[in-house]
Amino acid sequence: MRSIAQTQKRCYTVGAFIMLHEEHLRTGMGEEAAAFVWETVKIVVISLAIIIPIRYYLVQPFFVKGASMEDNFHDKDYIIIDKLGYRLHDPKRGDVVVFRFPQDEREYFIKRIIGLPGETVAIRKNTVTVYDDDNPRGQVLDESGYISRNQETLGDLTLRLDDNEYFVLGDNRLHSSDSRRWGPVNRTLMSGRAYIRLWPFNKILKIPRVTY
């Protein structure tokens, strides 16, 4: 009986040790899980603190939709726009710009800036002419650098731009809904200039500026 009692005592001791060990493991695992969750939360918060200002103030990604900017940009091209530049200076003629559609600001359009604030833009016989203080008789734009030879700028209009208004056209003039149809774009609607194309990989390109 004595040996049996001693054996039972040892069993109780071993059992208590195992229970304490398991409790310690559970406590340790709980602390590790809590530490993991906290580290994850910190990473997410720090990432958002970095990404959100970059996306809002510096750059923003977009997928091109449609064919209005062919042959320079195609449907599903992935581009990054420069948002900071237009906070420092005004948009320039020839810039490819992403903006909110004036008739539905939930939509984004991509076009090329042709006319600047205060200018008069005239389209006749497949020719775009810009009138401003430096060119009172008009400057016929040479667009051969970004428009293919089979394109034609249809339309017969003359439009005077107010302050903060820009006249935009698609490079695919025969298949583009642009300022010829729904008028100029206000400066406040512009998100930024198309800066680089990242997709498709075989067409990665820093988008060049145009000079006239």
N, C-alpha and C. Protein backbone atom coordinates (compact mmCIF):
# COMPACT_ATOMS: atom_id res chain seq x y z
N MET A 1 0.83 -1.20 0.00
CA MET A 1 0.00 0.00 0.00
C MET A 1 0.87 1.26 0.00
N ARG A 2 1.99 1.14 0.75
CA ARG A 2 2.85 2.31 0.82
C ARG A 2 3.44 2.65 -0.53
N SER A 3 3.89 1.60 -1.22
CA SER A 3 4.48 1.84 -2.54
C SER A 3 3.46 2.37 -3.51
N ILE A 4 2.18 1.87 -3.34
CA ILE A 4 1.12 2.36 -4.22
C ILE A 4 0.86 3.84 -3.96
N ALA A 5 0.82 4.26 -2.68
CA ALA A 5 0.59 5.65 -2.32
C ALA A 5 1.70 6.55 -2.85
N GLN A 6 2.93 6.07 -2.74
CA GLN A 6 4.05 6.85 -3.25
C GLN A 6 3.96 7.00 -4.76
N THR A 7 3.53 5.91 -5.41
CA THR A 7 3.39 5.95 -6.88
C THR A 7 2.33 6.95 -7.29
N GLN A 8 1.18 6.92 -6.56
CA GLN A 8 0.12 7.87 -6.85
C GLN A 8 0.59 9.30 -6.64
N LYS A 9 1.38 9.51 -5.56
CA LYS A 9 1.89 10.86 -5.27
C LYS A 9 2.77 11.36 -6.41
N ARG A 10 3.62 10.41 -6.88
CA ARG A 10 4.48 10.80 -8.01
C ARG A 10 3.64 11.15 -9.24
N CYS A 11 2.58 10.33 -9.44
CA CYS A 11 1.71 10.59 -10.60
C CYS A 11 1.06 11.96 -10.48
N TYR A 12 0.57 12.27 -9.27
CA TYR A 12 -0.03 13.59 -9.06
C TYR A 12 0.97 14.70 -9.34
N THR A 13 2.21 14.49 -8.89
CA THR A 13 3.26 15.51 -9.08
C THR A 13 3.56 15.71 -10.55
N VAL A 14 3.72 14.56 -11.28
CA VAL A 14 3.99 14.63 -12.72
C VAL A 14 2.82 15.29 -13.45
N GLY A 15 1.58 14.90 -13.05
CA GLY A 15 0.40 15.48 -13.69
C GLY A 15 0.33 16.97 -13.47
N ALA A 16 0.62 17.42 -12.26
CA ALA A 16 0.60 18.85 -11.98
C ALA A 16 1.65 19.59 -12.80
N PHE A 17 2.82 18.95 -12.93
CA PHE A 17 3.89 19.56 -13.72
C PHE A 17 3.46 19.71 -15.17
N ILE A 18 2.82 18.65 -15.71
CA ILE A 18 2.37 18.69 -17.11
C ILE A 18 1.34 19.78 -17.29
N MET A 19 0.39 19.91 -16.34
CA MET A 19 -0.63 20.93 -16.45
C MET A 19 -0.03 22.32 -16.42
N LEU A 20 0.94 22.51 -15.50
CA LEU A 20 1.60 23.81 -15.43
C LEU A 20 2.36 24.12 -16.71
N HIS A 21 3.01 23.06 -17.25
CA HIS A 21 3.76 23.24 -18.49
C HIS A 21 2.83 23.60 -19.65
N GLU A 22 1.69 22.90 -19.73
CA GLU A 22 0.72 23.20 -20.78
C GLU A 22 0.18 24.63 -20.62
N GLU A 23 -0.09 25.03 -19.37
CA GLU A 23 -0.58 26.38 -19.14
C GLU A 23 0.45 27.41 -19.56
N HIS A 24 1.71 27.09 -19.27
CA HIS A 24 2.80 27.99 -19.67
C HIS A 24 2.88 28.09 -21.20
N LEU A 25 2.73 26.93 -21.86
CA LEU A 25 2.77 26.94 -23.32
C LEU A 25 1.63 27.76 -23.90
N ARG A 26 0.42 27.56 -23.30
CA ARG A 26 -0.72 28.32 -23.78
C ARG A 26 -0.51 29.81 -23.58
N THR A 27 0.05 30.17 -22.44
CA THR A 27 0.33 31.58 -22.16
C THR A 27 1.36 32.14 -23.14
N GLY A 28 2.42 31.31 -23.36
CA GLY A 28 3.46 31.73 -24.30
C GLY A 28 2.93 31.88 -25.71
N MET A 29 2.10 30.90 -26.14
CA MET A 29 1.52 30.96 -27.46
C MET A 29 0.58 32.16 -27.60
N GLY A 30 -0.15 32.45 -26.53
CA GLY A 30 -1.04 33.61 -26.55
C GLY A 30 -0.27 34.90 -26.69
N GLU A 31 0.84 35.00 -25.97
CA GLU A 31 1.67 36.20 -26.06
C GLU A 31 2.29 36.34 -27.45
N GLU A 32 2.73 35.19 -28.01
CA GLU A 32 3.31 35.23 -29.35
C GLU A 32 2.27 35.65 -30.39
N ALA A 33 1.05 35.10 -30.25
CA ALA A 33 -0.03 35.46 -31.18
C ALA A 33 -0.35 36.95 -31.07
N ALA A 34 -0.42 37.44 -29.83
CA ALA A 34 -0.71 38.86 -29.63
C ALA A 34 0.40 39.72 -30.22
N ALA A 35 1.65 39.29 -30.03
CA ALA A 35 2.78 40.04 -30.57
C ALA A 35 2.74 40.05 -32.09
N PHE A 36 2.38 38.87 -32.68
CA PHE A 36 2.28 38.78 -34.14
C PHE A 36 1.21 39.72 -34.69
N VAL A 37 0.05 39.71 -34.03
CA VAL A 37 -1.05 40.57 -34.46
C VAL A 37 -0.64 42.04 -34.35
N TRP A 38 0.01 42.41 -33.27
CA TRP A 38 0.43 43.79 -33.07
C TRP A 38 1.44 44.22 -34.13
N GLU A 39 2.39 43.33 -34.44
CA GLU A 39 3.38 43.65 -35.46
C GLU A 39 2.71 43.82 -36.82
N THR A 40 1.72 42.95 -37.10
CA THR A 40 0.99 43.05 -38.37
C THR A 40 0.25 44.37 -38.45
N VAL A 41 -0.42 44.76 -37.36
CA VAL A 41 -1.14 46.02 -37.33
C VAL A 41 -0.19 47.19 -37.57
N LYS A 42 0.96 47.15 -36.94
CA LYS A 42 1.93 48.23 -37.11
C LYS A 42 2.39 48.33 -38.57
N ILE A 43 2.64 47.16 -39.18
CA ILE A 43 3.09 47.16 -40.58
C ILE A 43 2.02 47.76 -41.49
N VAL A 44 0.76 47.35 -41.25
CA VAL A 44 -0.34 47.86 -42.07
C VAL A 44 -0.48 49.37 -41.90
N VAL A 45 -0.44 49.84 -40.65
CA VAL A 45 -0.61 51.27 -40.38
C VAL A 45 0.54 52.08 -41.02
N ILE A 46 1.76 51.60 -40.85
CA ILE A 46 2.91 52.29 -41.43
C ILE A 46 2.83 52.31 -42.95
N SER A 47 2.42 51.16 -43.53
CA SER A 47 2.30 51.07 -44.99
C SER A 47 1.26 52.06 -45.51
N LEU A 48 0.12 52.12 -44.83
CA LEU A 48 -0.93 53.05 -45.25
C LEU A 48 -0.47 54.50 -45.10
N ALA A 49 0.28 54.75 -44.03
CA ALA A 49 0.78 56.11 -43.80
C ALA A 49 1.74 56.53 -44.91
N ILE A 50 2.40 55.56 -45.53
CA ILE A 50 3.32 55.86 -46.62
C ILE A 50 2.59 55.88 -47.96
N ILE A 51 1.74 54.86 -48.20
CA ILE A 51 1.12 54.68 -49.51
C ILE A 51 0.07 55.74 -49.80
N ILE A 52 -0.79 56.05 -48.81
CA ILE A 52 -1.90 56.97 -49.06
C ILE A 52 -1.40 58.36 -49.48
N PRO A 53 -0.44 58.96 -48.77
CA PRO A 53 0.05 60.27 -49.24
C PRO A 53 0.70 60.18 -50.61
N ILE A 54 1.44 59.09 -50.89
CA ILE A 54 2.07 58.94 -52.20
C ILE A 54 1.01 58.88 -53.28
N ARG A 55 -0.04 58.08 -53.04
CA ARG A 55 -1.10 57.93 -54.04
C ARG A 55 -1.89 59.22 -54.21
N TYR A 56 -2.08 59.95 -53.14
CA TYR A 56 -2.91 61.16 -53.21
C TYR A 56 -2.13 62.35 -53.77
N TYR A 57 -0.87 62.48 -53.38
CA TYR A 57 -0.11 63.68 -53.73
C TYR A 57 0.91 63.47 -54.85
N LEU A 58 1.43 62.25 -55.02
CA LEU A 58 2.56 62.06 -55.92
C LEU A 58 2.20 61.32 -57.20
N VAL A 59 1.78 60.06 -57.09
CA VAL A 59 1.51 59.25 -58.27
C VAL A 59 0.23 58.44 -58.06
N GLN A 60 -0.34 57.96 -59.17
CA GLN A 60 -1.54 57.14 -59.09
C GLN A 60 -1.57 56.22 -60.31
N PRO A 61 -1.92 54.95 -60.13
CA PRO A 61 -1.99 54.03 -61.27
C PRO A 61 -3.35 54.05 -61.94
N PHE A 62 -3.36 53.78 -63.25
CA PHE A 62 -4.60 53.69 -64.02
C PHE A 62 -4.44 52.64 -65.10
N PHE A 63 -5.55 51.99 -65.43
CA PHE A 63 -5.63 51.15 -66.62
C PHE A 63 -6.31 51.97 -67.72
N VAL A 64 -5.70 51.96 -68.91
CA VAL A 64 -6.31 52.62 -70.05
C VAL A 64 -7.51 51.78 -70.51
N LYS A 65 -8.60 52.46 -70.80
CA LYS A 65 -9.79 51.77 -71.27
C LYS A 65 -10.22 52.37 -72.60
N GLY A 66 -10.36 51.51 -73.60
CA GLY A 66 -10.80 51.98 -74.90
C GLY A 66 -9.65 52.23 -75.87
N ALA A 67 -10.01 52.72 -77.07
CA ALA A 67 -9.04 52.87 -78.16
C ALA A 67 -8.80 54.32 -78.54
N SER A 68 -9.26 55.28 -77.75
CA SER A 68 -9.21 56.68 -78.17
C SER A 68 -7.81 57.26 -78.23
N MET A 69 -6.81 56.58 -77.61
CA MET A 69 -5.45 57.11 -77.64
C MET A 69 -4.49 56.25 -78.46
N GLU A 70 -5.03 55.31 -79.22
CA GLU A 70 -4.17 54.53 -80.12
C GLU A 70 -3.59 55.44 -81.20
N ASP A 71 -2.39 55.22 -81.68
CA ASP A 71 -1.55 54.06 -81.49
C ASP A 71 -0.58 54.20 -80.31
N ASN A 72 -0.70 55.22 -79.52
CA ASN A 72 0.26 55.45 -78.44
C ASN A 72 -0.11 54.72 -77.15
N PHE A 73 -1.39 54.58 -76.88
CA PHE A 73 -1.87 53.87 -75.70
C PHE A 73 -3.01 52.95 -76.13
N HIS A 74 -2.99 51.73 -75.60
CA HIS A 74 -3.99 50.74 -75.98
C HIS A 74 -4.82 50.31 -74.78
N ASP A 75 -5.94 49.71 -75.08
CA ASP A 75 -6.83 49.20 -74.05
C ASP A 75 -6.06 48.27 -73.11
N LYS A 76 -6.22 48.48 -71.80
CA LYS A 76 -5.61 47.69 -70.72
C LYS A 76 -4.14 48.00 -70.49
N ASP A 77 -3.60 49.03 -71.15
CA ASP A 77 -2.26 49.49 -70.77
C ASP A 77 -2.31 49.97 -69.32
N TYR A 78 -1.24 49.68 -68.57
CA TYR A 78 -1.16 50.09 -67.16
C TYR A 78 -0.19 51.25 -67.06
N ILE A 79 -0.69 52.40 -66.64
CA ILE A 79 0.15 53.60 -66.59
C ILE A 79 0.18 54.20 -65.18
N ILE A 80 1.22 54.95 -64.93
CA ILE A 80 1.36 55.72 -63.69
C ILE A 80 1.31 57.20 -64.06
N ILE A 81 0.47 57.95 -63.35
CA ILE A 81 0.40 59.38 -63.63
C ILE A 81 1.15 60.16 -62.54
N ASP A 82 1.73 61.26 -62.95
CA ASP A 82 2.43 62.18 -62.06
C ASP A 82 1.43 63.21 -61.55
N LYS A 83 1.12 63.16 -60.27
CA LYS A 83 0.17 64.11 -59.68
C LYS A 83 0.86 65.33 -59.10
N LEU A 84 2.11 65.18 -58.71
CA LEU A 84 2.84 66.27 -58.07
C LEU A 84 3.13 67.41 -59.05
N GLY A 85 3.47 67.05 -60.28
CA GLY A 85 3.88 68.05 -61.26
C GLY A 85 2.88 69.16 -61.43
N TYR A 86 1.59 68.80 -61.52
CA TYR A 86 0.56 69.81 -61.73
C TYR A 86 0.24 70.61 -60.47
N ARG A 87 0.82 70.22 -59.36
CA ARG A 87 0.72 71.05 -58.16
C ARG A 87 1.79 72.14 -58.17
N LEU A 88 2.81 71.93 -59.00
CA LEU A 88 3.93 72.86 -59.06
C LEU A 88 3.89 73.76 -60.30
N HIS A 89 3.27 73.27 -61.37
CA HIS A 89 3.20 74.07 -62.59
C HIS A 89 1.92 73.70 -63.35
N ASP A 90 1.57 74.53 -64.32
CA ASP A 90 0.35 74.30 -65.11
C ASP A 90 0.58 73.22 -66.16
N PRO A 91 -0.49 72.56 -66.56
CA PRO A 91 -0.39 71.60 -67.68
C PRO A 91 0.12 72.28 -68.94
N LYS A 92 0.79 71.50 -69.78
CA LYS A 92 1.37 72.05 -71.00
C LYS A 92 0.75 71.40 -72.23
N ARG A 93 0.84 72.12 -73.33
CA ARG A 93 0.35 71.58 -74.59
C ARG A 93 1.14 70.31 -74.94
N GLY A 94 0.43 69.30 -75.35
CA GLY A 94 1.08 68.04 -75.72
C GLY A 94 1.08 67.01 -74.60
N ASP A 95 0.81 67.44 -73.36
CA ASP A 95 0.76 66.49 -72.25
C ASP A 95 -0.38 65.50 -72.45
N VAL A 96 -0.11 64.25 -72.14
CA VAL A 96 -1.19 63.26 -72.06
C VAL A 96 -1.69 63.29 -70.62
N VAL A 97 -2.95 63.61 -70.44
CA VAL A 97 -3.47 63.90 -69.11
C VAL A 97 -4.64 62.99 -68.78
N VAL A 98 -4.74 62.60 -67.50
CA VAL A 98 -5.89 61.86 -66.98
C VAL A 98 -6.74 62.84 -66.18
N PHE A 99 -8.03 62.84 -66.44
CA PHE A 99 -8.93 63.81 -65.78
C PHE A 99 -10.30 63.17 -65.56
N ARG A 100 -11.07 63.82 -64.69
CA ARG A 100 -12.45 63.40 -64.47
C ARG A 100 -13.32 63.93 -65.61
N PHE A 101 -14.13 63.06 -66.16
CA PHE A 101 -14.99 63.42 -67.28
C PHE A 101 -15.95 64.53 -66.85
N PRO A 102 -15.98 65.66 -67.55
CA PRO A 102 -16.82 66.80 -67.13
C PRO A 102 -18.30 66.47 -66.98
N GLN A 103 -18.80 65.52 -67.76
CA GLN A 103 -20.22 65.20 -67.72
C GLN A 103 -20.56 64.09 -66.72
N ASP A 104 -19.54 63.45 -66.16
CA ASP A 104 -19.74 62.44 -65.12
C ASP A 104 -18.41 62.26 -64.39
N GLU A 105 -18.25 62.96 -63.30
CA GLU A 105 -16.95 63.02 -62.62
C GLU A 105 -16.56 61.71 -61.95
N ARG A 106 -17.43 60.70 -62.01
CA ARG A 106 -17.05 59.38 -61.50
C ARG A 106 -16.15 58.65 -62.49
N GLU A 107 -16.14 59.10 -63.73
CA GLU A 107 -15.34 58.47 -64.77
C GLU A 107 -14.05 59.25 -65.01
N TYR A 108 -13.01 58.51 -65.40
CA TYR A 108 -11.73 59.12 -65.76
C TYR A 108 -11.48 58.93 -67.25
N PHE A 109 -11.00 59.99 -67.90
CA PHE A 109 -10.64 59.95 -69.31
C PHE A 109 -9.14 60.22 -69.44
N ILE A 110 -8.58 59.75 -70.56
CA ILE A 110 -7.19 60.06 -70.89
C ILE A 110 -7.15 60.66 -72.29
N LYS A 111 -6.59 61.86 -72.41
CA LYS A 111 -6.52 62.58 -73.69
C LYS A 111 -5.22 63.38 -73.73
N ARG A 112 -5.04 64.07 -74.86
CA ARG A 112 -3.87 64.93 -75.01
C ARG A 112 -4.30 66.40 -75.01
N ILE A 113 -3.56 67.24 -74.28
CA ILE A 113 -3.88 68.67 -74.22
C ILE A 113 -3.45 69.34 -75.52
N ILE A 114 -4.39 70.05 -76.13
CA ILE A 114 -4.12 70.76 -77.37
C ILE A 114 -4.20 72.27 -77.19
N GLY A 115 -5.24 72.74 -76.47
CA GLY A 115 -5.42 74.17 -76.26
C GLY A 115 -5.30 74.55 -74.80
N LEU A 116 -4.69 75.71 -74.53
CA LEU A 116 -4.44 76.18 -73.17
C LEU A 116 -5.38 77.33 -72.81
N PRO A 117 -5.50 77.67 -71.52
CA PRO A 117 -6.39 78.76 -71.09
C PRO A 117 -6.12 80.06 -71.83
N GLY A 118 -7.20 80.71 -72.25
CA GLY A 118 -7.09 81.99 -72.94
C GLY A 118 -6.87 81.88 -74.43
N GLU A 119 -6.59 80.69 -74.94
CA GLU A 119 -6.35 80.51 -76.37
C GLU A 119 -7.67 80.25 -77.10
N THR A 120 -7.60 80.36 -78.40
CA THR A 120 -8.71 79.98 -79.28
C THR A 120 -8.24 78.82 -80.14
N VAL A 121 -9.02 77.76 -80.16
CA VAL A 121 -8.69 76.57 -80.95
C VAL A 121 -9.66 76.48 -82.12
N ALA A 122 -9.11 76.29 -83.32
CA ALA A 122 -9.93 76.14 -84.52
C ALA A 122 -9.58 74.83 -85.21
N ILE A 123 -10.61 74.08 -85.59
CA ILE A 123 -10.42 72.83 -86.33
C ILE A 123 -11.18 72.94 -87.64
N ARG A 124 -10.41 72.82 -88.74
CA ARG A 124 -11.01 72.86 -90.07
C ARG A 124 -10.13 72.09 -91.05
N LYS A 125 -10.78 71.30 -91.88
CA LYS A 125 -10.10 70.59 -92.96
C LYS A 125 -8.89 69.80 -92.45
N ASN A 126 -9.11 69.05 -91.38
CA ASN A 126 -8.07 68.16 -90.83
C ASN A 126 -6.87 68.93 -90.30
N THR A 127 -7.09 70.18 -89.87
CA THR A 127 -6.01 71.01 -89.35
C THR A 127 -6.43 71.63 -88.03
N VAL A 128 -5.50 71.60 -87.06
CA VAL A 128 -5.74 72.23 -85.76
C VAL A 128 -4.89 73.49 -85.67
N THR A 129 -5.56 74.62 -85.45
CA THR A 129 -4.86 75.90 -85.37
C THR A 129 -5.14 76.53 -84.01
N VAL A 130 -4.08 77.06 -83.39
CA VAL A 130 -4.19 77.69 -82.08
C VAL A 130 -3.86 79.16 -82.21
N TYR A 131 -4.74 79.99 -81.64
CA TYR A 131 -4.53 81.45 -81.65
C TYR A 131 -4.28 81.91 -80.21
N ASP A 132 -3.19 82.66 -80.01
CA ASP A 132 -2.87 83.22 -78.70
C ASP A 132 -2.15 84.55 -78.89
N ASP A 133 -1.68 85.12 -77.79
CA ASP A 133 -1.02 86.43 -77.87
C ASP A 133 0.24 86.38 -78.71
N ASP A 134 0.96 85.25 -78.65
CA ASP A 134 2.20 85.13 -79.43
C ASP A 134 1.93 84.80 -80.89
N ASN A 135 0.75 84.26 -81.16
CA ASN A 135 0.41 83.87 -82.53
C ASN A 135 -1.00 84.37 -82.87
N PRO A 136 -1.15 85.68 -83.01
CA PRO A 136 -2.49 86.24 -83.30
C PRO A 136 -3.05 85.77 -84.64
N ARG A 137 -2.17 85.40 -85.55
CA ARG A 137 -2.62 84.90 -86.85
C ARG A 137 -2.80 83.38 -86.85
N GLY A 138 -2.44 82.77 -85.74
CA GLY A 138 -2.65 81.34 -85.61
C GLY A 138 -1.41 80.50 -85.83
N GLN A 139 -1.28 79.44 -85.04
CA GLN A 139 -0.20 78.46 -85.18
C GLN A 139 -0.81 77.12 -85.54
N VAL A 140 -0.49 76.61 -86.70
CA VAL A 140 -0.95 75.29 -87.11
C VAL A 140 -0.09 74.26 -86.42
N LEU A 141 -0.72 73.38 -85.65
CA LEU A 141 0.05 72.41 -84.87
C LEU A 141 0.55 71.27 -85.75
N ASP A 142 1.82 70.99 -85.62
CA ASP A 142 2.40 69.82 -86.28
C ASP A 142 2.27 68.64 -85.33
N GLU A 143 1.33 67.75 -85.61
CA GLU A 143 1.05 66.62 -84.73
C GLU A 143 1.56 65.29 -85.29
N SER A 144 2.44 65.38 -86.26
CA SER A 144 2.94 64.17 -86.91
C SER A 144 3.74 63.28 -85.97
N GLY A 145 4.21 63.85 -84.88
CA GLY A 145 5.03 63.07 -83.96
C GLY A 145 4.25 62.06 -83.13
N TYR A 146 2.92 62.25 -83.02
CA TYR A 146 2.14 61.32 -82.20
C TYR A 146 0.84 60.86 -82.85
N ILE A 147 0.55 61.32 -84.04
CA ILE A 147 -0.65 60.87 -84.75
C ILE A 147 -0.24 60.13 -86.02
N SER A 148 -0.82 58.97 -86.23
CA SER A 148 -0.47 58.18 -87.40
C SER A 148 -1.01 58.84 -88.67
N ARG A 149 -0.44 58.48 -89.79
CA ARG A 149 -0.76 59.14 -91.06
C ARG A 149 -2.20 58.90 -91.50
N ASN A 150 -2.79 57.79 -91.07
CA ASN A 150 -4.14 57.48 -91.52
C ASN A 150 -5.22 58.15 -90.67
N GLN A 151 -4.79 58.98 -89.70
CA GLN A 151 -5.75 59.68 -88.86
C GLN A 151 -6.27 60.94 -89.55
N GLU A 152 -7.44 61.38 -89.09
CA GLU A 152 -8.02 62.61 -89.62
C GLU A 152 -8.77 63.31 -88.49
N THR A 153 -8.47 64.58 -88.29
CA THR A 153 -9.13 65.35 -87.24
C THR A 153 -10.39 65.97 -87.81
N LEU A 154 -11.48 65.25 -87.64
CA LEU A 154 -12.76 65.72 -88.17
C LEU A 154 -13.30 66.86 -87.31
N GLY A 155 -14.10 67.69 -87.91
CA GLY A 155 -14.73 68.77 -87.16
C GLY A 155 -14.61 70.10 -87.87
N ASP A 156 -15.51 71.00 -87.52
CA ASP A 156 -15.48 72.36 -88.03
C ASP A 156 -15.95 73.27 -86.89
N LEU A 157 -14.98 73.74 -86.12
CA LEU A 157 -15.36 74.52 -84.92
C LEU A 157 -14.28 75.53 -84.58
N THR A 158 -14.70 76.54 -83.84
CA THR A 158 -13.79 77.52 -83.26
C THR A 158 -14.23 77.73 -81.82
N LEU A 159 -13.30 77.57 -80.89
CA LEU A 159 -13.66 77.63 -79.47
C LEU A 159 -12.65 78.48 -78.71
N ARG A 160 -13.17 79.47 -78.01
CA ARG A 160 -12.35 80.33 -77.14
C ARG A 160 -12.36 79.73 -75.73
N LEU A 161 -11.17 79.51 -75.17
CA LEU A 161 -11.03 78.90 -73.85
C LEU A 161 -10.97 79.96 -72.77
N ASP A 162 -11.73 79.76 -71.71
CA ASP A 162 -11.69 80.65 -70.56
C ASP A 162 -10.50 80.31 -69.67
N ASP A 163 -10.32 81.10 -68.62
CA ASP A 163 -9.27 80.80 -67.65
C ASP A 163 -9.52 79.43 -67.04
N ASN A 164 -8.45 78.64 -66.90
CA ASN A 164 -8.50 77.30 -66.31
C ASN A 164 -9.17 76.26 -67.21
N GLU A 165 -9.39 76.59 -68.49
CA GLU A 165 -9.98 75.61 -69.41
C GLU A 165 -8.94 75.10 -70.40
N TYR A 166 -9.04 73.79 -70.71
CA TYR A 166 -8.11 73.15 -71.63
C TYR A 166 -8.89 72.38 -72.69
N PHE A 167 -8.39 72.46 -73.92
CA PHE A 167 -9.00 71.72 -75.04
C PHE A 167 -8.20 70.44 -75.22
N VAL A 168 -8.88 69.29 -75.19
CA VAL A 168 -8.20 68.00 -75.26
C VAL A 168 -8.73 67.19 -76.43
N LEU A 169 -7.85 66.38 -77.02
CA LEU A 169 -8.21 65.49 -78.11
C LEU A 169 -7.57 64.12 -77.88
N GLY A 170 -8.23 63.08 -78.38
CA GLY A 170 -7.62 61.76 -78.38
C GLY A 170 -6.69 61.62 -79.57
N ASP A 171 -5.63 60.82 -79.44
CA ASP A 171 -4.71 60.62 -80.56
C ASP A 171 -5.38 59.84 -81.69
N ASN A 172 -6.34 59.00 -81.34
CA ASN A 172 -7.09 58.26 -82.34
C ASN A 172 -8.30 59.10 -82.75
N ARG A 173 -8.05 60.12 -83.55
CA ARG A 173 -9.03 61.16 -83.82
C ARG A 173 -10.34 60.63 -84.42
N LEU A 174 -10.26 59.55 -85.16
CA LEU A 174 -11.45 59.00 -85.78
C LEU A 174 -12.33 58.23 -84.81
N HIS A 175 -11.79 57.92 -83.64
CA HIS A 175 -12.54 57.12 -82.66
C HIS A 175 -12.34 57.68 -81.26
N SER A 176 -12.55 58.97 -81.10
CA SER A 176 -12.33 59.60 -79.80
C SER A 176 -13.47 60.56 -79.48
N SER A 177 -14.01 60.42 -78.28
CA SER A 177 -14.95 61.40 -77.74
C SER A 177 -14.14 62.38 -76.92
N ASP A 178 -14.10 63.64 -77.35
CA ASP A 178 -13.20 64.60 -76.71
C ASP A 178 -13.81 66.00 -76.74
N SER A 179 -12.97 67.01 -76.65
CA SER A 179 -13.48 68.39 -76.56
C SER A 179 -14.24 68.84 -77.81
N ARG A 180 -14.08 68.13 -78.90
CA ARG A 180 -14.87 68.45 -80.08
C ARG A 180 -16.35 68.16 -79.85
N ARG A 181 -16.60 67.24 -78.92
CA ARG A 181 -17.97 66.80 -78.68
C ARG A 181 -18.57 67.41 -77.42
N TRP A 182 -17.80 67.41 -76.31
CA TRP A 182 -18.36 67.86 -75.03
C TRP A 182 -17.63 69.04 -74.41
N GLY A 183 -16.80 69.72 -75.18
CA GLY A 183 -16.20 70.97 -74.71
C GLY A 183 -14.91 70.82 -73.92
N PRO A 184 -14.42 71.91 -73.38
CA PRO A 184 -13.13 71.93 -72.68
C PRO A 184 -13.20 71.27 -71.31
N VAL A 185 -12.00 71.05 -70.73
CA VAL A 185 -11.86 70.45 -69.40
C VAL A 185 -11.34 71.51 -68.44
N ASN A 186 -12.00 71.67 -67.31
CA ASN A 186 -11.53 72.62 -66.32
C ASN A 186 -10.30 72.08 -65.59
N ARG A 187 -9.42 72.96 -65.24
CA ARG A 187 -8.18 72.58 -64.55
C ARG A 187 -8.44 71.78 -63.28
N THR A 188 -9.52 72.07 -62.60
CA THR A 188 -9.80 71.40 -61.33
C THR A 188 -10.12 69.92 -61.50
N LEU A 189 -10.43 69.50 -62.72
CA LEU A 189 -10.78 68.10 -62.97
C LEU A 189 -9.57 67.24 -63.31
N MET A 190 -8.42 67.86 -63.50
CA MET A 190 -7.24 67.11 -63.94
C MET A 190 -6.55 66.43 -62.77
N SER A 191 -6.28 65.14 -62.95
CA SER A 191 -5.61 64.34 -61.90
C SER A 191 -4.10 64.37 -62.05
N GLY A 192 -3.60 64.32 -63.28
CA GLY A 192 -2.17 64.35 -63.47
C GLY A 192 -1.77 63.95 -64.87
N ARG A 193 -0.48 64.07 -65.14
CA ARG A 193 0.08 63.75 -66.45
C ARG A 193 0.53 62.30 -66.51
N ALA A 194 0.21 61.64 -67.61
CA ALA A 194 0.68 60.27 -67.81
C ALA A 194 2.21 60.29 -67.85
N TYR A 195 2.84 59.54 -66.93
CA TYR A 195 4.28 59.63 -66.76
C TYR A 195 5.03 58.41 -67.29
N ILE A 196 4.52 57.23 -67.00
CA ILE A 196 5.20 56.01 -67.42
C ILE A 196 4.19 54.90 -67.66
N ARG A 197 4.49 54.08 -68.68
CA ARG A 197 3.67 52.89 -68.93
C ARG A 197 4.43 51.68 -68.40
N LEU A 198 3.76 50.89 -67.55
CA LEU A 198 4.39 49.73 -66.94
C LEU A 198 3.90 48.41 -67.51
N TRP A 199 2.83 48.44 -68.28
CA TRP A 199 2.30 47.22 -68.87
C TRP A 199 1.70 47.55 -70.23
N PRO A 200 1.96 46.69 -71.21
CA PRO A 200 2.69 45.41 -71.16
C PRO A 200 4.19 45.60 -71.00
N PHE A 201 4.86 44.55 -70.49
CA PHE A 201 6.28 44.64 -70.16
C PHE A 201 7.13 44.97 -71.38
N ASN A 202 6.73 44.48 -72.53
CA ASN A 202 7.55 44.74 -73.72
C ASN A 202 7.37 46.15 -74.27
N LYS A 203 6.49 46.94 -73.60
CA LYS A 203 6.27 48.32 -74.03
C LYS A 203 6.45 49.30 -72.87
N ILE A 204 7.23 48.91 -71.86
CA ILE A 204 7.50 49.82 -70.75
C ILE A 204 8.19 51.08 -71.29
N LEU A 205 7.66 52.22 -70.92
CA LEU A 205 8.14 53.46 -71.52
C LEU A 205 7.87 54.65 -70.62
N LYS A 206 8.86 55.50 -70.45
CA LYS A 206 8.62 56.81 -69.85
C LYS A 206 8.01 57.68 -70.93
N ILE A 207 6.83 58.20 -70.68
CA ILE A 207 6.07 58.90 -71.71
C ILE A 207 6.72 60.26 -72.00
N PRO A 208 7.19 60.48 -73.21
CA PRO A 208 7.93 61.70 -73.53
C PRO A 208 7.02 62.91 -73.64
N ARG A 209 7.59 64.08 -73.38
CA ARG A 209 6.87 65.33 -73.61
C ARG A 209 6.95 65.69 -75.08
N VAL A 210 5.97 66.44 -75.51
CA VAL A 210 5.89 66.84 -76.91
C VAL A 210 6.26 68.31 -77.05
N THR A 211 7.03 68.62 -78.05
CA THR A 211 7.35 70.02 -78.35
C THR A 211 6.81 70.35 -79.75
N TYR A 212 6.35 71.59 -79.92
CA TYR A 212 5.77 72.01 -81.19
C TYR A 212 6.65 73.06 -81.87
